[in-house]
């Protein structure tokens, strides 16, 4: 089944200029397309009804990661964080959305070149309305993928490179064919890595555990947010390797990322998370952190 395409935005930013969305184009021979010489960043802006303003969540952290990604693939003189920030604000004003919005910033090798070309560098920004996914409340059933996460010494998952998302696509398609709402990817050592678009937390006892960056995961802004919120609530969080068996022993689990925000994991491979009366339902710590997260992004908790 084909997923319906999202509504196209009225404008985009290309190489620093706001243009009608249909006019934003790249060369069919751009190395960003032909050799995946491209990186990107996904951000969310949240609409506040009281102030009638959109607030971009953790923009400095996202742009810092984008800068690291651009440096890693050796782009020549890409836009700075300050330039991207100004362009993003200009585009949001042009689109004039009064609802939650998803923003995607891309930087890539443009024009025509070989695999090792580092310029000329093109860039683009799009923003579009994106409401919260129903799975935030409902949760999803996940399956462990047969595809393994690409290793840090092969195609480093800690940066947001378009090339890394082939691995995520394969795992996601496999999960979809199997009737699952999401995939969990293991690394080459057989430990938990992450999902196609988010990081994983499990609860053991009264503590949360999440795989370390060295397990082959993105340096996720949302993951760091969850760690901070949990610790501020007095919940211990440990970053360490998690085996597949331990996943099935967890009292609860959730999946988090910018696009999905925070999704309760209801079951893995058909086995319900947790036990007793609460088995197969969103867990208590998951619900607690969802509330704290929502308070922060909506401005009810100013930090």
C-alpha atoms as a PDB file:
ATOM      1  CA  UNK A   1       0.000   0.000   0.000  1.00  0.00           C
ATOM      2  CA  UNK A   2       1.350   3.419  -0.954  1.00  0.00           C
ATOM      3  CA  UNK A   3       1.530   6.040   1.787  1.00  0.00           C
ATOM      4  CA  UNK A   4      -0.251   9.270   0.759  1.00  0.00           C
ATOM      5  CA  UNK A   5       2.157  12.107  -0.023  1.00  0.00           C
ATOM      6  CA  UNK A   6       2.098  14.998   2.462  1.00  0.00           C
ATOM      7  CA  UNK A   7       0.659  18.309   1.336  1.00  0.00           C
ATOM      8  CA  UNK A   8       3.295  20.321  -0.493  1.00  0.00           C
ATOM      9  CA  UNK A   9       4.386  23.535   1.212  1.00  0.00           C
ATOM     10  CA  UNK A  10       3.978  26.850  -0.642  1.00  0.00           C
ATOM     11  CA  UNK A  11       7.637  27.810  -0.344  1.00  0.00           C
ATOM     12  CA  UNK A  12      11.099  26.351   0.171  1.00  0.00           C
ATOM     13  CA  UNK A  13      14.526  27.831   0.708  1.00  0.00           C
ATOM     14  CA  UNK A  14      17.174  26.953  -1.864  1.00  0.00           C
ATOM     15  CA  UNK A  15      20.728  28.215  -1.537  1.00  0.00           C
ATOM     16  CA  UNK A  16      19.617  30.902   0.881  1.00  0.00           C
ATOM     17  CA  UNK A  17      16.627  32.248  -1.061  1.00  0.00           C
ATOM     18  CA  UNK A  18      12.929  31.661  -0.441  1.00  0.00           C
ATOM     19  CA  UNK A  19      11.328  30.407  -3.662  1.00  0.00           C
ATOM     20  CA  UNK A  20       8.022  28.773  -4.612  1.00  0.00           C
ATOM     21  CA  UNK A  21       8.295  25.103  -3.699  1.00  0.00           C
ATOM     22  CA  UNK A  22       7.949  23.953  -7.332  1.00  0.00           C
ATOM     23  CA  UNK A  23      10.985  26.046  -8.321  1.00  0.00           C
ATOM     24  CA  UNK A  24      13.365  24.381  -5.845  1.00  0.00           C
ATOM     25  CA  UNK A  25      15.319  21.901  -7.982  1.00  0.00           C
ATOM     26  CA  UNK A  26      18.699  20.169  -8.132  1.00  0.00           C
ATOM     27  CA  UNK A  27      20.680  18.709 -11.032  1.00  0.00           C
ATOM     28  CA  UNK A  28      19.926  15.075 -11.865  1.00  0.00           C
ATOM     29  CA  UNK A  29      23.713  14.557 -11.856  1.00  0.00           C
ATOM     30  CA  UNK A  30      24.351  16.225  -8.502  1.00  0.00           C
ATOM     31  CA  UNK A  31      26.665  14.030  -6.364  1.00  0.00           C
ATOM     32  CA  UNK A  32      24.211  14.599  -3.529  1.00  0.00           C
ATOM     33  CA  UNK A  33      21.811  12.463  -5.576  1.00  0.00           C
ATOM     34  CA  UNK A  34      24.078  10.119  -7.523  1.00  0.00           C
ATOM     35  CA  UNK A  35      26.553   9.343  -4.707  1.00  0.00           C
ATOM     36  CA  UNK A  36      24.507  10.245  -1.593  1.00  0.00           C
ATOM     37  CA  UNK A  37      26.888  13.127  -0.807  1.00  0.00           C
ATOM     38  CA  UNK A  38      24.268  14.754   1.382  1.00  0.00           C
ATOM     39  CA  UNK A  39      23.372  15.292   5.017  1.00  0.00           C
ATOM     40  CA  UNK A  40      20.258  16.686   6.610  1.00  0.00           C
ATOM     41  CA  UNK A  41      18.602  17.677   9.833  1.00  0.00           C
ATOM     42  CA  UNK A  42      14.998  17.300  10.979  1.00  0.00           C
ATOM     43  CA  UNK A  43      13.518  19.753  13.475  1.00  0.00           C
ATOM     44  CA  UNK A  44      10.078  20.462  14.875  1.00  0.00           C
ATOM     45  CA  UNK A  45       8.423  23.808  15.521  1.00  0.00           C
ATOM     46  CA  UNK A  46       5.502  23.835  17.949  1.00  0.00           C
ATOM     47  CA  UNK A  47       2.558  26.217  17.803  1.00  0.00           C
ATOM     48  CA  UNK A  48       1.609  27.985  21.029  1.00  0.00           C
ATOM     49  CA  UNK A  49      -2.022  29.122  21.004  1.00  0.00           C
ATOM     50  CA  UNK A  50      -1.515  31.598  23.851  1.00  0.00           C
ATOM     51  CA  UNK A  51       1.421  33.470  22.327  1.00  0.00           C
ATOM     52  CA  UNK A  52       0.416  32.701  18.729  1.00  0.00           C
ATOM     53  CA  UNK A  53       4.003  31.808  17.923  1.00  0.00           C
ATOM     54  CA  UNK A  54       5.929  28.876  16.508  1.00  0.00           C
ATOM     55  CA  UNK A  55       8.918  27.812  18.591  1.00  0.00           C
ATOM     56  CA  UNK A  56      11.613  25.624  17.059  1.00  0.00           C
ATOM     57  CA  UNK A  57      12.647  22.988  19.591  1.00  0.00           C
ATOM     58  CA  UNK A  58      16.368  22.763  20.356  1.00  0.00           C
ATOM     59  CA  UNK A  59      17.473  24.412  17.124  1.00  0.00           C
ATOM     60  CA  UNK A  60      21.073  25.092  18.328  1.00  0.00           C
ATOM     61  CA  UNK A  61      21.625  21.407  19.132  1.00  0.00           C
ATOM     62  CA  UNK A  62      20.233  20.297  15.774  1.00  0.00           C
ATOM     63  CA  UNK A  63      22.383  22.804  13.886  1.00  0.00           C
ATOM     64  CA  UNK A  64      25.471  21.762  15.842  1.00  0.00           C
ATOM     65  CA  UNK A  65      24.878  18.177  14.723  1.00  0.00           C
ATOM     66  CA  UNK A  66      24.313  19.337  11.146  1.00  0.00           C
ATOM     67  CA  UNK A  67      27.636  21.164  11.246  1.00  0.00           C
ATOM     68  CA  UNK A  68      29.354  17.970  12.426  1.00  0.00           C
ATOM     69  CA  UNK A  69      27.648  15.973   9.660  1.00  0.00           C
ATOM     70  CA  UNK A  70      28.718  18.482   6.982  1.00  0.00           C
ATOM     71  CA  UNK A  71      32.272  18.390   8.292  1.00  0.00           C
ATOM     72  CA  UNK A  72      32.311  14.583   8.314  1.00  0.00           C
ATOM     73  CA  UNK A  73      31.484  14.326   4.592  1.00  0.00           C
ATOM     74  CA  UNK A  74      33.836  17.262   3.850  1.00  0.00           C
ATOM     75  CA  UNK A  75      31.508  19.786   2.241  1.00  0.00           C
ATOM     76  CA  UNK A  76      33.281  22.922   0.997  1.00  0.00           C
ATOM     77  CA  UNK A  77      32.182  26.128   2.747  1.00  0.00           C
ATOM     78  CA  UNK A  78      28.613  25.137   3.632  1.00  0.00           C
ATOM     79  CA  UNK A  79      26.249  27.649   5.261  1.00  0.00           C
ATOM     80  CA  UNK A  80      26.881  28.387   8.925  1.00  0.00           C
ATOM     81  CA  UNK A  81      24.470  27.697  11.764  1.00  0.00           C
ATOM     82  CA  UNK A  82      23.684  31.420  11.885  1.00  0.00           C
ATOM     83  CA  UNK A  83      22.880  31.479   8.170  1.00  0.00           C
ATOM     84  CA  UNK A  84      20.671  28.401   8.403  1.00  0.00           C
ATOM     85  CA  UNK A  85      18.872  29.903  11.409  1.00  0.00           C
ATOM     86  CA  UNK A  86      18.099  33.143   9.560  1.00  0.00           C
ATOM     87  CA  UNK A  87      16.921  31.210   6.495  1.00  0.00           C
ATOM     88  CA  UNK A  88      14.722  28.945   8.603  1.00  0.00           C
ATOM     89  CA  UNK A  89      13.035  31.903  10.316  1.00  0.00           C
ATOM     90  CA  UNK A  90      12.449  33.634   6.978  1.00  0.00           C
ATOM     91  CA  UNK A  91      10.877  30.490   5.519  1.00  0.00           C
ATOM     92  CA  UNK A  92       8.612  29.921   8.523  1.00  0.00           C
ATOM     93  CA  UNK A  93       7.372  33.495   8.220  1.00  0.00           C
ATOM     94  CA  UNK A  94       6.731  33.047   4.496  1.00  0.00           C
ATOM     95  CA  UNK A  95       4.746  29.834   5.008  1.00  0.00           C
ATOM     96  CA  UNK A  96       2.848  31.399   7.937  1.00  0.00           C
ATOM     97  CA  UNK A  97       1.771  28.093   9.486  1.00  0.00           C
ATOM     98  CA  UNK A  98      -0.291  28.302  12.670  1.00  0.00           C
ATOM     99  CA  UNK A  99       0.143  24.680  13.690  1.00  0.00           C
ATOM    100  CA  UNK A 100       2.896  22.207  14.521  1.00  0.00           C
ATOM    101  CA  UNK A 101       5.479  22.121  11.766  1.00  0.00           C
ATOM    102  CA  UNK A 102       8.277  19.818  10.636  1.00  0.00           C
ATOM    103  CA  UNK A 103      11.449  21.392   9.216  1.00  0.00           C
ATOM    104  CA  UNK A 104      14.073  19.650   7.096  1.00  0.00           C
ATOM    105  CA  UNK A 105      17.424  21.276   6.326  1.00  0.00           C
ATOM    106  CA  UNK A 106      19.630  19.646   3.683  1.00  0.00           C
ATOM    107  CA  UNK A 107      23.194  20.263   2.527  1.00  0.00           C
ATOM    108  CA  UNK A 108      24.629  18.423  -0.462  1.00  0.00           C
ATOM    109  CA  UNK A 109      27.133  18.476  -3.301  1.00  0.00           C
ATOM    110  CA  UNK A 110      25.300  20.093  -6.202  1.00  0.00           C
ATOM    111  CA  UNK A 111      25.768  20.547  -9.959  1.00  0.00           C
ATOM    112  CA  UNK A 112      27.890  17.789 -11.565  1.00  0.00           C
ATOM    113  CA  UNK A 113      30.782  15.875 -10.099  1.00  0.00           C
ATOM    114  CA  UNK A 114      32.321  12.544  -9.214  1.00  0.00           C
ATOM    115  CA  UNK A 115      32.114  10.525  -6.020  1.00  0.00           C
ATOM    116  CA  UNK A 116      34.805  12.581  -4.285  1.00  0.00           C
ATOM    117  CA  UNK A 117      33.461  16.028  -5.187  1.00  0.00           C
ATOM    118  CA  UNK A 118      33.156  18.314  -2.160  1.00  0.00           C
ATOM    119  CA  UNK A 119      31.530  21.257  -3.929  1.00  0.00           C
ATOM    120  CA  UNK A 120      29.760  23.273  -5.068  1.00  0.00           C
ATOM    121  CA  UNK A 121      27.571  22.940  -2.005  1.00  0.00           C
ATOM    122  CA  UNK A 122      23.835  23.395  -2.333  1.00  0.00           C
ATOM    123  CA  UNK A 123      21.362  23.685   0.505  1.00  0.00           C
ATOM    124  CA  UNK A 124      17.624  23.634   0.997  1.00  0.00           C
ATOM    125  CA  UNK A 125      15.040  23.993   3.734  1.00  0.00           C
ATOM    126  CA  UNK A 126      11.429  22.900   3.661  1.00  0.00           C
ATOM    127  CA  UNK A 127       8.769  23.177   6.330  1.00  0.00           C
ATOM    128  CA  UNK A 128       5.353  21.562   6.342  1.00  0.00           C
ATOM    129  CA  UNK A 129       2.477  21.016   8.724  1.00  0.00           C
ATOM    130  CA  UNK A 130       2.953  17.864  10.738  1.00  0.00           C
ATOM    131  CA  UNK A 131       0.607  16.898  13.521  1.00  0.00           C
ATOM    132  CA  UNK A 132       1.552  14.494  16.280  1.00  0.00           C
ATOM    133  CA  UNK A 133       1.373  10.853  15.224  1.00  0.00           C
ATOM    134  CA  UNK A 134      -1.528   8.878  16.783  1.00  0.00           C
ATOM    135  CA  UNK A 135       1.037   6.348  18.029  1.00  0.00           C
ATOM    136  CA  UNK A 136       2.148   8.885  20.658  1.00  0.00           C
ATOM    137  CA  UNK A 137      -0.980   7.901  22.574  1.00  0.00           C
ATOM    138  CA  UNK A 138      -1.745   4.487  21.120  1.00  0.00           C
ATOM    139  CA  UNK A 139       1.727   2.964  20.895  1.00  0.00           C
ATOM    140  CA  UNK A 140       2.982   0.550  18.246  1.00  0.00           C
ATOM    141  CA  UNK A 141       3.958  -3.086  17.860  1.00  0.00           C
ATOM    142  CA  UNK A 142       7.595  -3.580  16.831  1.00  0.00           C
ATOM    143  CA  UNK A 143       9.633  -6.378  15.316  1.00  0.00           C
ATOM    144  CA  UNK A 144      13.379  -7.030  15.488  1.00  0.00           C
ATOM    145  CA  UNK A 145      14.795  -6.682  11.990  1.00  0.00           C
ATOM    146  CA  UNK A 146      16.994  -9.243  10.245  1.00  0.00           C
ATOM    147  CA  UNK A 147      18.987  -6.305   8.849  1.00  0.00           C
ATOM    148  CA  UNK A 148      21.925  -5.205  11.037  1.00  0.00           C
ATOM    149  CA  UNK A 149      22.891  -1.595  11.721  1.00  0.00           C
ATOM    150  CA  UNK A 150      25.732  -0.218   9.636  1.00  0.00           C
ATOM    151  CA  UNK A 151      28.891   0.045  11.719  1.00  0.00           C
ATOM    152  CA  UNK A 152      30.534   3.295  12.836  1.00  0.00           C
ATOM    153  CA  UNK A 153      33.703   2.364  10.935  1.00  0.00           C
ATOM    154  CA  UNK A 154      31.734   1.772   7.717  1.00  0.00           C
ATOM    155  CA  UNK A 155      29.006   4.422   7.450  1.00  0.00           C
ATOM    156  CA  UNK A 156      28.846   6.236  10.802  1.00  0.00           C
ATOM    157  CA  UNK A 157      25.263   6.243  12.131  1.00  0.00           C
ATOM    158  CA  UNK A 158      26.025   9.081  14.551  1.00  0.00           C
ATOM    159  CA  UNK A 159      25.734  11.606  11.686  1.00  0.00           C
ATOM    160  CA  UNK A 160      22.521  12.320   9.798  1.00  0.00           C
ATOM    161  CA  UNK A 161      23.655  11.303   6.316  1.00  0.00           C
ATOM    162  CA  UNK A 162      21.150  10.332   3.644  1.00  0.00           C
ATOM    163  CA  UNK A 163      23.265   7.259   2.841  1.00  0.00           C
ATOM    164  CA  UNK A 164      22.544   5.808   6.288  1.00  0.00           C
ATOM    165  CA  UNK A 165      18.829   5.741   5.624  1.00  0.00           C
ATOM    166  CA  UNK A 166      19.057   2.878   3.132  1.00  0.00           C
ATOM    167  CA  UNK A 167      19.712   0.656   6.147  1.00  0.00           C
ATOM    168  CA  UNK A 168      16.716   2.183   7.913  1.00  0.00           C
ATOM    169  CA  UNK A 169      14.538   1.837   4.811  1.00  0.00           C
ATOM    170  CA  UNK A 170      15.288  -1.875   4.460  1.00  0.00           C
ATOM    171  CA  UNK A 171      14.481  -2.507   8.117  1.00  0.00           C
ATOM    172  CA  UNK A 172      11.324  -0.415   7.920  1.00  0.00           C
ATOM    173  CA  UNK A 173      10.061  -2.162   4.794  1.00  0.00           C
ATOM    174  CA  UNK A 174      10.677  -5.558   6.377  1.00  0.00           C
ATOM    175  CA  UNK A 175       8.705  -4.526   9.468  1.00  0.00           C
ATOM    176  CA  UNK A 176       5.856  -3.247   7.315  1.00  0.00           C
ATOM    177  CA  UNK A 177       5.682  -6.500   5.328  1.00  0.00           C
ATOM    178  CA  UNK A 178       5.573  -8.418   8.603  1.00  0.00           C
ATOM    179  CA  UNK A 179       2.671  -6.368   9.912  1.00  0.00           C
ATOM    180  CA  UNK A 180       4.621  -4.396  12.516  1.00  0.00           C
ATOM    181  CA  UNK A 181       4.370  -0.661  13.120  1.00  0.00           C
ATOM    182  CA  UNK A 182       8.108  -0.262  13.615  1.00  0.00           C
ATOM    183  CA  UNK A 183      11.495  -1.976  13.480  1.00  0.00           C
ATOM    184  CA  UNK A 184      14.233  -2.480  16.047  1.00  0.00           C
ATOM    185  CA  UNK A 185      17.685  -2.884  14.537  1.00  0.00           C
ATOM    186  CA  UNK A 186      20.538  -4.800  16.169  1.00  0.00           C
ATOM    187  CA  UNK A 187      24.202  -3.984  15.599  1.00  0.00           C
ATOM    188  CA  UNK A 188      26.878  -6.398  14.396  1.00  0.00           C
ATOM    189  CA  UNK A 189      27.416  -7.610  17.970  1.00  0.00           C
ATOM    190  CA  UNK A 190      23.747  -8.539  18.344  1.00  0.00           C
ATOM    191  CA  UNK A 191      22.984  -5.730  20.799  1.00  0.00           C
ATOM    192  CA  UNK A 192      20.180  -3.205  20.397  1.00  0.00           C
ATOM    193  CA  UNK A 193      21.010  -0.251  18.213  1.00  0.00           C
ATOM    194  CA  UNK A 194      17.977   1.871  17.278  1.00  0.00           C
ATOM    195  CA  UNK A 195      15.001   2.007  14.931  1.00  0.00           C
ATOM    196  CA  UNK A 196      14.723   3.526  11.443  1.00  0.00           C
ATOM    197  CA  UNK A 197      13.931   6.965  12.873  1.00  0.00           C
ATOM    198  CA  UNK A 198      14.359   6.872  16.610  1.00  0.00           C
ATOM    199  CA  UNK A 199      16.217   5.667  19.693  1.00  0.00           C
ATOM    200  CA  UNK A 200      15.076   3.056  22.199  1.00  0.00           C
ATOM    201  CA  UNK A 201      14.685   3.122  25.974  1.00  0.00           C
ATOM    202  CA  UNK A 202      13.665   0.182  28.168  1.00  0.00           C
ATOM    203  CA  UNK A 203      12.742   0.062  31.848  1.00  0.00           C
ATOM    204  CA  UNK A 204      14.313  -2.478  34.185  1.00  0.00           C
ATOM    205  CA  UNK A 205      12.975  -2.109  37.709  1.00  0.00           C
ATOM    206  CA  UNK A 206      12.812   1.609  38.464  1.00  0.00           C
ATOM    207  CA  UNK A 207      15.582   2.565  36.031  1.00  0.00           C
ATOM    208  CA  UNK A 208      15.771   3.335  32.329  1.00  0.00           C
ATOM    209  CA  UNK A 209      18.412   1.840  30.051  1.00  0.00           C
ATOM    210  CA  UNK A 210      19.304   3.031  26.551  1.00  0.00           C
ATOM    211  CA  UNK A 211      22.030   1.896  24.132  1.00  0.00           C
ATOM    212  CA  UNK A 212      25.169   4.071  24.042  1.00  0.00           C
ATOM    213  CA  UNK A 213      26.209   6.026  20.950  1.00  0.00           C
ATOM    214  CA  UNK A 214      28.918   3.390  20.424  1.00  0.00           C
ATOM    215  CA  UNK A 215      26.148   0.808  19.776  1.00  0.00           C
ATOM    216  CA  UNK A 216      25.628   2.341  16.339  1.00  0.00           C
ATOM    217  CA  UNK A 217      23.045   5.038  16.916  1.00  0.00           C
ATOM    218  CA  UNK A 218      22.474   8.622  15.887  1.00  0.00           C
ATOM    219  CA  UNK A 219      23.629  11.273  18.359  1.00  0.00           C
ATOM    220  CA  UNK A 220      19.964  12.012  18.915  1.00  0.00           C
ATOM    221  CA  UNK A 221      18.788  15.363  20.255  1.00  0.00           C
ATOM    222  CA  UNK A 222      15.516  13.776  21.397  1.00  0.00           C
ATOM    223  CA  UNK A 223      17.396  10.977  23.176  1.00  0.00           C
ATOM    224  CA  UNK A 224      19.466  13.489  25.144  1.00  0.00           C
ATOM    225  CA  UNK A 225      16.256  15.361  25.977  1.00  0.00           C
ATOM    226  CA  UNK A 226      14.679  12.183  27.375  1.00  0.00           C
ATOM    227  CA  UNK A 227      17.766  11.431  29.455  1.00  0.00           C
ATOM    228  CA  UNK A 228      17.672  14.946  30.945  1.00  0.00           C
ATOM    229  CA  UNK A 229      13.929  14.843  31.652  1.00  0.00           C
ATOM    230  CA  UNK A 230      14.149  11.426  33.294  1.00  0.00           C
ATOM    231  CA  UNK A 231      17.060  12.364  35.536  1.00  0.00           C
ATOM    232  CA  UNK A 232      15.347  15.608  36.548  1.00  0.00           C
ATOM    233  CA  UNK A 233      12.363  13.469  37.598  1.00  0.00           C
ATOM    234  CA  UNK A 234      14.622  11.323  39.774  1.00  0.00           C
ATOM    235  CA  UNK A 235      14.683   8.379  37.375  1.00  0.00           C
ATOM    236  CA  UNK A 236      18.064   6.713  36.969  1.00  0.00           C
ATOM    237  CA  UNK A 237      19.216   6.384  33.346  1.00  0.00           C
ATOM    238  CA  UNK A 238      22.050   4.094  32.273  1.00  0.00           C
ATOM    239  CA  UNK A 239      23.667   4.101  28.833  1.00  0.00           C
ATOM    240  CA  UNK A 240      24.913   0.580  28.115  1.00  0.00           C
ATOM    241  CA  UNK A 241      24.589  -2.318  25.699  1.00  0.00           C
ATOM    242  CA  UNK A 242      21.230  -4.112  25.699  1.00  0.00           C
ATOM    243  CA  UNK A 243      20.916  -7.686  24.450  1.00  0.00           C
ATOM    244  CA  UNK A 244      17.885  -8.927  22.563  1.00  0.00           C
ATOM    245  CA  UNK A 245      16.846 -11.141  25.471  1.00  0.00           C
ATOM    246  CA  UNK A 246      16.898  -8.206  27.879  1.00  0.00           C
ATOM    247  CA  UNK A 247      14.532  -6.339  25.577  1.00  0.00           C
ATOM    248  CA  UNK A 248      11.942  -9.075  26.135  1.00  0.00           C
ATOM    249  CA  UNK A 249      12.485  -8.898  29.901  1.00  0.00           C
ATOM    250  CA  UNK A 250      11.850  -5.150  30.072  1.00  0.00           C
ATOM    251  CA  UNK A 251       8.908  -3.836  32.087  1.00  0.00           C
ATOM    252  CA  UNK A 252       8.209  -1.245  29.387  1.00  0.00           C
ATOM    253  CA  UNK A 253       9.892   0.441  26.440  1.00  0.00           C
ATOM    254  CA  UNK A 254       9.533   3.450  24.195  1.00  0.00           C
ATOM    255  CA  UNK A 255      10.920   4.809  20.948  1.00  0.00           C
ATOM    256  CA  UNK A 256      11.816   8.486  20.449  1.00  0.00           C
ATOM    257  CA  UNK A 257      12.934  10.849  17.708  1.00  0.00           C
ATOM    258  CA  UNK A 258      12.124  14.264  16.281  1.00  0.00           C
ATOM    259  CA  UNK A 259       9.556  13.053  13.769  1.00  0.00           C
ATOM    260  CA  UNK A 260       7.848  10.424  15.931  1.00  0.00           C
ATOM    261  CA  UNK A 261       8.428  12.304  19.202  1.00  0.00           C
ATOM    262  CA  UNK A 262       7.809   9.502  21.723  1.00  0.00           C
ATOM    263  CA  UNK A 263       6.046   6.233  20.881  1.00  0.00           C
ATOM    264  CA  UNK A 264       5.251   3.524  23.473  1.00  0.00           C
ATOM    265  CA  UNK A 265       6.422   0.055  22.391  1.00  0.00           C
ATOM    266  CA  UNK A 266       3.512  -2.324  23.050  1.00  0.00           C
ATOM    267  CA  UNK A 267       5.125  -5.572  21.932  1.00  0.00           C
ATOM    268  CA  UNK A 268       8.239  -6.922  20.240  1.00  0.00           C
ATOM    269  CA  UNK A 269       8.020  -9.860  17.826  1.00  0.00           C
ATOM    270  CA  UNK A 270       4.474 -10.532  19.018  1.00  0.00           C
ATOM    271  CA  UNK A 271       5.426 -10.688  22.711  1.00  0.00           C
ATOM    272  CA  UNK A 272       3.756  -8.034  24.873  1.00  0.00           C
ATOM    273  CA  UNK A 273       5.976  -5.665  26.832  1.00  0.00           C
ATOM    274  CA  UNK A 274       5.704  -6.040  30.596  1.00  0.00           C
ATOM    275  CA  UNK A 275       3.516  -8.496  32.446  1.00  0.00           C
ATOM    276  CA  UNK A 276       0.386  -8.650  34.529  1.00  0.00           C
ATOM    277  CA  UNK A 277      -2.565  -6.308  34.005  1.00  0.00           C
ATOM    278  CA  UNK A 278      -0.423  -3.676  32.263  1.00  0.00           C
ATOM    279  CA  UNK A 279       1.149  -5.991  29.688  1.00  0.00           C
ATOM    280  CA  UNK A 280       0.959  -4.715  26.138  1.00  0.00           C
ATOM    281  CA  UNK A 281       0.003  -1.168  27.169  1.00  0.00           C
ATOM    282  CA  UNK A 282       2.049   2.048  27.443  1.00  0.00           C
ATOM    283  CA  UNK A 283       4.078   1.966  30.663  1.00  0.00           C
ATOM    284  CA  UNK A 284       3.894   4.327  33.629  1.00  0.00           C
ATOM    285  CA  UNK A 285       7.343   5.864  33.105  1.00  0.00           C
ATOM    286  CA  UNK A 286       6.641   6.297  29.403  1.00  0.00           C
ATOM    287  CA  UNK A 287       3.464   8.227  30.228  1.00  0.00           C
ATOM    288  CA  UNK A 288       5.285  10.287  32.863  1.00  0.00           C
ATOM    289  CA  UNK A 289       8.004  11.319  30.410  1.00  0.00           C
ATOM    290  CA  UNK A 290       5.492  12.018  27.644  1.00  0.00           C
ATOM    291  CA  UNK A 291       3.810  14.533  29.960  1.00  0.00           C
ATOM    292  CA  UNK A 292       7.111  16.192  30.874  1.00  0.00           C
ATOM    293  CA  UNK A 293       8.195  16.270  27.236  1.00  0.00           C
ATOM    294  CA  UNK A 294       4.902  17.834  26.136  1.00  0.00           C
ATOM    295  CA  UNK A 295       5.161  20.494  28.853  1.00  0.00           C
ATOM    296  CA  UNK A 296       8.628  21.471  27.619  1.00  0.00           C
ATOM    297  CA  UNK A 297       7.867  21.638  23.898  1.00  0.00           C
ATOM    298  CA  UNK A 298       4.605  23.562  24.498  1.00  0.00           C
ATOM    299  CA  UNK A 299       6.303  26.115  26.722  1.00  0.00           C
ATOM    300  CA  UNK A 300       4.405  25.146  29.875  1.00  0.00           C
ATOM    301  CA  UNK A 301       7.753  24.177  31.392  1.00  0.00           C
ATOM    302  CA  UNK A 302      10.243  26.858  30.386  1.00  0.00           C
ATOM    303  CA  UNK A 303      13.786  25.592  30.171  1.00  0.00           C
END
